[in-house]
Amino acid sequence: MTRPIQAQLSGAAQPHLTVVEASPAADEPEEAADDLARLRLEVMMMKAALAAERRESEALRASLGLSEPETLGEEARAVRERWAALVERLIHDSL
């Protein structure tokens, strides 16, 4: 649905995956840290995709002459604002 996005991520955001042979109990903290790093990277990528999609939508609206808020009805603006608040809350709660 979205185009590939080139993201420049800091070294801290890059997941650090290592293969270590040890007992299963010793691997659990490392696996949890790796999973957390992977999930944070995925959230960053979703945020980047949403931001790119938002910019493209705004550019498309502007090219069609729909960039002014007056072109949307009261109900449409309210629905858009509710969805934006929901998405924002979901993204921030996941971190």
C-alpha atoms as a PDB file:
ATOM      1  CA  MET A   1       0.000   0.000   0.000  1.00  0.00           C
ATOM      2  CA  THR A   2       2.848   2.378   0.679  1.00  0.00           C
ATOM      3  CA  ARG A   3       5.980   2.969  -1.307  1.00  0.00           C
ATOM      4  CA  PRO A   4       9.351   1.895   0.098  1.00  0.00           C
ATOM      5  CA  ILE A   5      10.763   4.517   2.435  1.00  0.00           C
ATOM      6  CA  GLN A   6      14.418   5.099   2.972  1.00  0.00           C
ATOM      7  CA  ALA A   7      14.960   5.596   6.671  1.00  0.00           C
ATOM      8  CA  GLN A   8      18.164   6.749   8.220  1.00  0.00           C
ATOM      9  CA  LEU A   9      18.190   5.190  11.637  1.00  0.00           C
ATOM     10  CA  SER A  10      20.701   5.827  14.336  1.00  0.00           C
ATOM     11  CA  GLY A  11      22.895   3.018  15.549  1.00  0.00           C
ATOM     12  CA  ALA A  12      20.916   2.887  18.791  1.00  0.00           C
ATOM     13  CA  ALA A  13      17.741   2.078  16.874  1.00  0.00           C
ATOM     14  CA  GLN A  14      19.334  -0.753  14.936  1.00  0.00           C
ATOM     15  CA  PRO A  15      18.552  -4.109  16.497  1.00  0.00           C
ATOM     16  CA  HIS A  16      21.598  -5.958  17.722  1.00  0.00           C
ATOM     17  CA  LEU A  17      21.215  -9.635  16.957  1.00  0.00           C
ATOM     18  CA  THR A  18      23.850 -12.118  17.979  1.00  0.00           C
ATOM     19  CA  VAL A  19      23.982 -15.873  17.820  1.00  0.00           C
ATOM     20  CA  VAL A  20      25.315 -17.330  21.040  1.00  0.00           C
ATOM     21  CA  GLU A  21      25.225 -20.943  22.038  1.00  0.00           C
ATOM     22  CA  ALA A  22      24.195 -21.160  25.667  1.00  0.00           C
ATOM     23  CA  SER A  23      21.550 -22.670  27.857  1.00  0.00           C
ATOM     24  CA  PRO A  24      17.962 -21.658  27.010  1.00  0.00           C
ATOM     25  CA  ALA A  25      17.548 -19.787  30.318  1.00  0.00           C
ATOM     26  CA  ALA A  26      20.576 -17.588  29.577  1.00  0.00           C
ATOM     27  CA  ASP A  27      19.167 -16.597  26.158  1.00  0.00           C
ATOM     28  CA  GLU A  28      15.876 -15.206  27.490  1.00  0.00           C
ATOM     29  CA  PRO A  29      17.136 -11.718  28.509  1.00  0.00           C
ATOM     30  CA  GLU A  30      19.026 -11.328  25.227  1.00  0.00           C
ATOM     31  CA  GLU A  31      15.996 -12.469  23.226  1.00  0.00           C
ATOM     32  CA  ALA A  32      13.771 -10.023  25.113  1.00  0.00           C
ATOM     33  CA  ALA A  33      16.199  -7.177  24.398  1.00  0.00           C
ATOM     34  CA  ASP A  34      16.397  -8.202  20.734  1.00  0.00           C
ATOM     35  CA  ASP A  35      12.590  -8.364  20.508  1.00  0.00           C
ATOM     36  CA  LEU A  36      12.270  -4.942  22.107  1.00  0.00           C
ATOM     37  CA  ALA A  37      14.806  -3.442  19.708  1.00  0.00           C
ATOM     38  CA  ARG A  38      13.019  -5.053  16.745  1.00  0.00           C
ATOM     39  CA  LEU A  39       9.636  -3.754  17.908  1.00  0.00           C
ATOM     40  CA  ARG A  40      11.007  -0.237  18.374  1.00  0.00           C
ATOM     41  CA  LEU A  41      12.467  -0.372  14.876  1.00  0.00           C
ATOM     42  CA  GLU A  42       9.106  -1.513  13.492  1.00  0.00           C
ATOM     43  CA  VAL A  43       7.311   1.346  15.277  1.00  0.00           C
ATOM     44  CA  MET A  44       9.821   3.835  13.850  1.00  0.00           C
ATOM     45  CA  MET A  45       9.238   2.437  10.373  1.00  0.00           C
ATOM     46  CA  MET A  46       5.449   2.657  10.793  1.00  0.00           C
ATOM     47  CA  LYS A  47       5.773   6.273  11.930  1.00  0.00           C
ATOM     48  CA  ALA A  48       7.954   7.042   8.902  1.00  0.00           C
ATOM     49  CA  ALA A  49       5.441   5.364   6.572  1.00  0.00           C
ATOM     50  CA  LEU A  50       2.546   7.288   8.121  1.00  0.00           C
ATOM     51  CA  ALA A  51       4.425  10.576   7.873  1.00  0.00           C
ATOM     52  CA  ALA A  52       5.277   9.936   4.207  1.00  0.00           C
ATOM     53  CA  GLU A  53       1.683   8.995   3.459  1.00  0.00           C
ATOM     54  CA  ARG A  54       0.456  12.133   5.225  1.00  0.00           C
ATOM     55  CA  ARG A  55       2.823  14.317   3.170  1.00  0.00           C
ATOM     56  CA  GLU A  56       1.726  12.664  -0.073  1.00  0.00           C
ATOM     57  CA  SER A  57      -1.951  13.066   0.854  1.00  0.00           C
ATOM     58  CA  GLU A  58      -1.428  16.744   1.621  1.00  0.00           C
ATOM     59  CA  ALA A  59       0.387  17.241  -1.691  1.00  0.00           C
ATOM     60  CA  LEU A  60      -2.415  15.461  -3.561  1.00  0.00           C
ATOM     61  CA  ARG A  61      -5.077  17.530  -1.780  1.00  0.00           C
ATOM     62  CA  ALA A  62      -3.172  20.705  -2.620  1.00  0.00           C
ATOM     63  CA  SER A  63      -2.872  19.723  -6.282  1.00  0.00           C
ATOM     64  CA  LEU A  64      -6.622  19.066  -6.409  1.00  0.00           C
ATOM     65  CA  GLY A  65      -7.402  22.311  -4.624  1.00  0.00           C
ATOM     66  CA  LEU A  66      -8.724  20.524  -1.550  1.00  0.00           C
ATOM     67  CA  SER A  67      -6.092  21.733   0.900  1.00  0.00           C
ATOM     68  CA  GLU A  68      -8.371  24.229   2.634  1.00  0.00           C
ATOM     69  CA  PRO A  69     -10.219  22.883   5.688  1.00  0.00           C
ATOM     70  CA  GLU A  70     -13.430  24.623   4.541  1.00  0.00           C
ATOM     71  CA  THR A  71     -13.798  22.058   1.749  1.00  0.00           C
ATOM     72  CA  LEU A  72     -14.473  19.376   4.364  1.00  0.00           C
ATOM     73  CA  GLY A  73     -17.745  19.288   6.214  1.00  0.00           C
ATOM     74  CA  GLU A  74     -18.080  19.473   9.999  1.00  0.00           C
ATOM     75  CA  GLU A  75     -18.679  15.751  10.302  1.00  0.00           C
ATOM     76  CA  ALA A  76     -15.746  14.827   8.043  1.00  0.00           C
ATOM     77  CA  ARG A  77     -13.357  17.023  10.065  1.00  0.00           C
ATOM     78  CA  ALA A  78     -14.622  15.502  13.331  1.00  0.00           C
ATOM     79  CA  VAL A  79     -14.142  11.946  12.014  1.00  0.00           C
ATOM     80  CA  ARG A  80     -10.660  12.780  10.719  1.00  0.00           C
ATOM     81  CA  GLU A  81      -9.662  14.324  14.053  1.00  0.00           C
ATOM     82  CA  ARG A  82     -10.964  11.293  16.006  1.00  0.00           C
ATOM     83  CA  TRP A  83      -8.994   8.891  13.800  1.00  0.00           C
ATOM     84  CA  ALA A  84      -5.854  11.013  14.053  1.00  0.00           C
ATOM     85  CA  ALA A  85      -6.149  11.087  17.857  1.00  0.00           C
ATOM     86  CA  LEU A  86      -6.697   7.324  17.991  1.00  0.00           C
ATOM     87  CA  VAL A  87      -3.683   6.568  15.781  1.00  0.00           C
ATOM     88  CA  GLU A  88      -1.505   8.999  17.746  1.00  0.00           C
ATOM     89  CA  ARG A  89      -2.542   7.385  21.043  1.00  0.00           C
ATOM     90  CA  LEU A  90      -1.898   3.861  19.716  1.00  0.00           C
ATOM     91  CA  ILE A  91       1.558   4.810  18.451  1.00  0.00           C
ATOM     92  CA  HIS A  92       2.590   6.509  21.686  1.00  0.00           C
ATOM     93  CA  ASP A  93       1.134   3.781  23.914  1.00  0.00           C
ATOM     94  CA  SER A  94       3.091   1.099  22.045  1.00  0.00           C
ATOM     95  CA  LEU A  95       6.459   2.571  23.051  1.00  0.00           C
END
